Amino acid sequence: MQFHNVADATQPPDGCQSEADGTFVVSLHASGEFAVTTFWPAVTVHDGERIEGVDRLNDRYRDPLKPVTKIQIQPGDSTMPDIALKRN
Protein backbone atom coordinates (compact mmCIF):
# COMPACT_ATOMS: atom_id res chain seq x y z
CA MET A 1 0.00 0.00 0.00
CA GLN A 2 1.07 3.55 -0.56
CA PHE A 3 -0.07 6.64 1.31
CA HIS A 4 0.10 9.85 -0.73
CA ASN A 5 0.03 13.10 1.26
CA VAL A 6 -2.87 15.07 -0.28
CA ALA A 7 -1.62 18.43 1.03
CA ASP A 8 1.89 17.96 -0.38
CA ALA A 9 2.00 16.00 -3.63
CA THR A 10 5.76 16.66 -3.89
CA GLN A 11 6.36 14.29 -0.96
CA PRO A 12 7.11 10.71 -2.03
CA PRO A 13 4.44 8.35 -0.74
CA ASP A 14 4.99 6.32 2.41
CA GLY A 15 4.43 2.64 1.80
CA CYS A 16 4.38 -0.86 3.19
CA GLN A 17 3.68 -4.47 2.27
CA SER A 18 0.79 -6.35 3.81
CA GLU A 19 1.08 -9.71 5.51
CA ALA A 20 -0.70 -12.80 4.15
CA ASP A 21 -3.69 -12.04 6.40
CA GLY A 22 -3.96 -8.48 5.03
CA THR A 23 -2.58 -6.67 8.08
CA PHE A 24 0.16 -4.10 7.68
CA VAL A 25 2.25 -1.59 9.56
CA VAL A 26 3.21 1.73 8.01
CA SER A 27 5.18 4.65 9.41
CA LEU A 28 3.93 7.95 8.02
CA HIS A 29 6.22 10.98 7.95
CA ALA A 30 3.36 13.41 8.56
CA SER A 31 -0.23 13.59 9.72
CA GLY A 32 -3.07 14.82 7.53
CA GLU A 33 -5.12 13.48 4.65
CA PHE A 34 -3.76 10.63 2.56
CA ALA A 35 -4.87 9.09 -0.72
CA VAL A 36 -4.42 5.32 -0.37
CA THR A 37 -3.31 3.24 -3.36
CA THR A 38 -2.31 -0.39 -3.65
CA PHE A 39 -1.27 -3.14 -6.01
CA TRP A 40 -0.91 -6.92 -5.74
CA PRO A 41 1.97 -8.10 -7.90
CA ALA A 42 2.38 -11.63 -9.13
CA VAL A 43 5.71 -12.61 -7.54
CA THR A 44 8.25 -15.13 -8.76
CA VAL A 45 11.65 -15.98 -7.32
CA HIS A 46 14.47 -16.63 -9.76
CA ASP A 47 17.97 -17.51 -8.51
CA GLY A 48 17.00 -16.17 -5.07
CA GLU A 49 15.85 -12.83 -6.49
CA ARG A 50 12.25 -11.70 -5.88
CA ILE A 51 10.71 -10.44 -9.12
CA GLU A 52 7.41 -8.52 -9.10
CA GLY A 53 5.26 -9.08 -12.16
CA VAL A 54 1.94 -7.71 -13.33
CA ASP A 55 -0.60 -6.30 -10.90
CA ARG A 56 -3.27 -8.91 -10.19
CA LEU A 57 -5.71 -6.04 -9.57
CA ASN A 58 -5.12 -4.75 -13.14
CA ASP A 59 -3.79 -1.37 -11.90
CA ARG A 60 -7.30 -0.55 -10.68
CA TYR A 61 -6.08 0.86 -7.34
CA ARG A 62 -2.69 2.39 -8.27
CA ASP A 63 -3.63 5.93 -9.34
CA PRO A 64 -3.36 8.50 -6.50
CA LEU A 65 -5.87 10.69 -8.37
CA LYS A 66 -8.40 7.80 -8.14
CA PRO A 67 -7.39 6.23 -4.81
CA VAL A 68 -8.92 3.25 -3.07
CA THR A 69 -9.92 5.67 -0.35
CA LYS A 70 -8.74 8.77 1.46
CA ILE A 71 -8.03 8.70 5.15
CA GLN A 72 -7.35 11.37 7.76
CA ILE A 73 -4.51 10.62 10.18
CA GLN A 74 -4.06 12.75 13.29
CA PRO A 75 -0.86 12.89 15.36
CA GLY A 76 -0.81 9.90 17.71
CA ASP A 77 -3.23 7.76 15.66
CA SER A 78 -2.21 4.12 15.71
CA THR A 79 -5.10 2.55 13.79
CA MET A 80 -7.08 3.32 10.68
CA PRO A 81 -10.39 2.13 9.26
CA ASP A 82 -10.56 -1.17 7.35
CA ILE A 83 -9.96 -0.87 3.62
CA ALA A 84 -11.91 -3.27 1.41
CA LEU A 85 -10.77 -4.20 -2.11
CA LYS A 86 -12.47 -6.25 -4.80
CA ARG A 87 -10.64 -8.25 -7.41
CA ASN A 88 -12.34 -8.12 -10.83
C-alpha atoms as a PDB file:
ATOM      1  CA  MET A   1       0.000   0.000   0.000  1.00  0.00           C
ATOM      2  CA  GLN A   2       1.070   3.550  -0.562  1.00  0.00           C
ATOM      3  CA  PHE A   3      -0.070   6.639   1.309  1.00  0.00           C
ATOM      4  CA  HIS A   4       0.098   9.854  -0.732  1.00  0.00           C
ATOM      5  CA  ASN A   5       0.027  13.096   1.262  1.00  0.00           C
ATOM      6  CA  VAL A   6      -2.874  15.067  -0.277  1.00  0.00           C
ATOM      7  CA  ALA A   7      -1.624  18.427   1.034  1.00  0.00           C
ATOM      8  CA  ASP A   8       1.889  17.962  -0.377  1.00  0.00           C
ATOM      9  CA  ALA A   9       2.004  16.002  -3.632  1.00  0.00           C
ATOM     10  CA  THR A  10       5.759  16.660  -3.893  1.00  0.00           C
ATOM     11  CA  GLN A  11       6.359  14.286  -0.964  1.00  0.00           C
ATOM     12  CA  PRO A  12       7.114  10.713  -2.034  1.00  0.00           C
ATOM     13  CA  PRO A  13       4.436   8.348  -0.736  1.00  0.00           C
ATOM     14  CA  ASP A  14       4.989   6.315   2.413  1.00  0.00           C
ATOM     15  CA  GLY A  15       4.432   2.638   1.798  1.00  0.00           C
ATOM     16  CA  CYS A  16       4.381  -0.863   3.185  1.00  0.00           C
ATOM     17  CA  GLN A  17       3.679  -4.468   2.273  1.00  0.00           C
ATOM     18  CA  SER A  18       0.795  -6.350   3.814  1.00  0.00           C
ATOM     19  CA  GLU A  19       1.083  -9.714   5.505  1.00  0.00           C
ATOM     20  CA  ALA A  20      -0.702 -12.805   4.146  1.00  0.00           C
ATOM     21  CA  ASP A  21      -3.695 -12.042   6.398  1.00  0.00           C
ATOM     22  CA  GLY A  22      -3.963  -8.483   5.035  1.00  0.00           C
ATOM     23  CA  THR A  23      -2.578  -6.669   8.075  1.00  0.00           C
ATOM     24  CA  PHE A  24       0.159  -4.105   7.677  1.00  0.00           C
ATOM     25  CA  VAL A  25       2.255  -1.590   9.563  1.00  0.00           C
ATOM     26  CA  VAL A  26       3.210   1.726   8.009  1.00  0.00           C
ATOM     27  CA  SER A  27       5.185   4.651   9.410  1.00  0.00           C
ATOM     28  CA  LEU A  28       3.934   7.948   8.023  1.00  0.00           C
ATOM     29  CA  HIS A  29       6.218  10.982   7.947  1.00  0.00           C
ATOM     30  CA  ALA A  30       3.364  13.410   8.564  1.00  0.00           C
ATOM     31  CA  SER A  31      -0.225  13.591   9.720  1.00  0.00           C
ATOM     32  CA  GLY A  32      -3.071  14.819   7.528  1.00  0.00           C
ATOM     33  CA  GLU A  33      -5.123  13.482   4.651  1.00  0.00           C
ATOM     34  CA  PHE A  34      -3.757  10.631   2.556  1.00  0.00           C
ATOM     35  CA  ALA A  35      -4.873   9.088  -0.720  1.00  0.00           C
ATOM     36  CA  VAL A  36      -4.418   5.317  -0.367  1.00  0.00           C
ATOM     37  CA  THR A  37      -3.314   3.240  -3.359  1.00  0.00           C
ATOM     38  CA  THR A  38      -2.307  -0.386  -3.652  1.00  0.00           C
ATOM     39  CA  PHE A  39      -1.272  -3.137  -6.011  1.00  0.00           C
ATOM     40  CA  TRP A  40      -0.908  -6.918  -5.737  1.00  0.00           C
ATOM     41  CA  PRO A  41       1.974  -8.096  -7.897  1.00  0.00           C
ATOM     42  CA  ALA A  42       2.377 -11.633  -9.126  1.00  0.00           C
ATOM     43  CA  VAL A  43       5.712 -12.614  -7.545  1.00  0.00           C
ATOM     44  CA  THR A  44       8.254 -15.127  -8.755  1.00  0.00           C
ATOM     45  CA  VAL A  45      11.646 -15.977  -7.319  1.00  0.00           C
ATOM     46  CA  HIS A  46      14.475 -16.634  -9.760  1.00  0.00           C
ATOM     47  CA  ASP A  47      17.969 -17.505  -8.505  1.00  0.00           C
ATOM     48  CA  GLY A  48      16.997 -16.168  -5.071  1.00  0.00           C
ATOM     49  CA  GLU A  49      15.849 -12.826  -6.494  1.00  0.00           C
ATOM     50  CA  ARG A  50      12.250 -11.698  -5.884  1.00  0.00           C
ATOM     51  CA  ILE A  51      10.706 -10.444  -9.116  1.00  0.00           C
ATOM     52  CA  GLU A  52       7.414  -8.518  -9.103  1.00  0.00           C
ATOM     53  CA  GLY A  53       5.257  -9.075 -12.158  1.00  0.00           C
ATOM     54  CA  VAL A  54       1.942  -7.715 -13.330  1.00  0.00           C
ATOM     55  CA  ASP A  55      -0.595  -6.301 -10.902  1.00  0.00           C
ATOM     56  CA  ARG A  56      -3.272  -8.913 -10.191  1.00  0.00           C
ATOM     57  CA  LEU A  57      -5.711  -6.039  -9.571  1.00  0.00           C
ATOM     58  CA  ASN A  58      -5.118  -4.748 -13.141  1.00  0.00           C
ATOM     59  CA  ASP A  59      -3.794  -1.368 -11.900  1.00  0.00           C
ATOM     60  CA  ARG A  60      -7.304  -0.552 -10.683  1.00  0.00           C
ATOM     61  CA  TYR A  61      -6.077   0.864  -7.340  1.00  0.00           C
ATOM     62  CA  ARG A  62      -2.687   2.390  -8.268  1.00  0.00           C
ATOM     63  CA  ASP A  63      -3.633   5.928  -9.335  1.00  0.00           C
ATOM     64  CA  PRO A  64      -3.361   8.497  -6.499  1.00  0.00           C
ATOM     65  CA  LEU A  65      -5.871  10.688  -8.374  1.00  0.00           C
ATOM     66  CA  LYS A  66      -8.397   7.800  -8.140  1.00  0.00           C
ATOM     67  CA  PRO A  67      -7.392   6.229  -4.806  1.00  0.00           C
ATOM     68  CA  VAL A  68      -8.920   3.247  -3.069  1.00  0.00           C
ATOM     69  CA  THR A  69      -9.919   5.674  -0.345  1.00  0.00           C
ATOM     70  CA  LYS A  70      -8.743   8.773   1.455  1.00  0.00           C
ATOM     71  CA  ILE A  71      -8.030   8.697   5.152  1.00  0.00           C
ATOM     72  CA  GLN A  72      -7.353  11.366   7.758  1.00  0.00           C
ATOM     73  CA  ILE A  73      -4.507  10.623  10.175  1.00  0.00           C
ATOM     74  CA  GLN A  74      -4.061  12.755  13.291  1.00  0.00           C
ATOM     75  CA  PRO A  75      -0.856  12.886  15.361  1.00  0.00           C
ATOM     76  CA  GLY A  76      -0.805   9.898  17.710  1.00  0.00           C
ATOM     77  CA  ASP A  77      -3.231   7.764  15.662  1.00  0.00           C
ATOM     78  CA  SER A  78      -2.208   4.115  15.706  1.00  0.00           C
ATOM     79  CA  THR A  79      -5.099   2.548  13.789  1.00  0.00           C
ATOM     80  CA  MET A  80      -7.083   3.315  10.681  1.00  0.00           C
ATOM     81  CA  PRO A  81     -10.391   2.126   9.259  1.00  0.00           C
ATOM     82  CA  ASP A  82     -10.559  -1.172   7.350  1.00  0.00           C
ATOM     83  CA  ILE A  83      -9.963  -0.867   3.618  1.00  0.00           C
ATOM     84  CA  ALA A  84     -11.913  -3.274   1.407  1.00  0.00           C
ATOM     85  CA  LEU A  85     -10.770  -4.197  -2.108  1.00  0.00           C
ATOM     86  CA  LYS A  86     -12.471  -6.250  -4.801  1.00  0.00           C
ATOM     87  CA  ARG A  87     -10.642  -8.246  -7.408  1.00  0.00           C
ATOM     88  CA  ASN A  88     -12.342  -8.123 -10.826  1.00  0.00           C
END
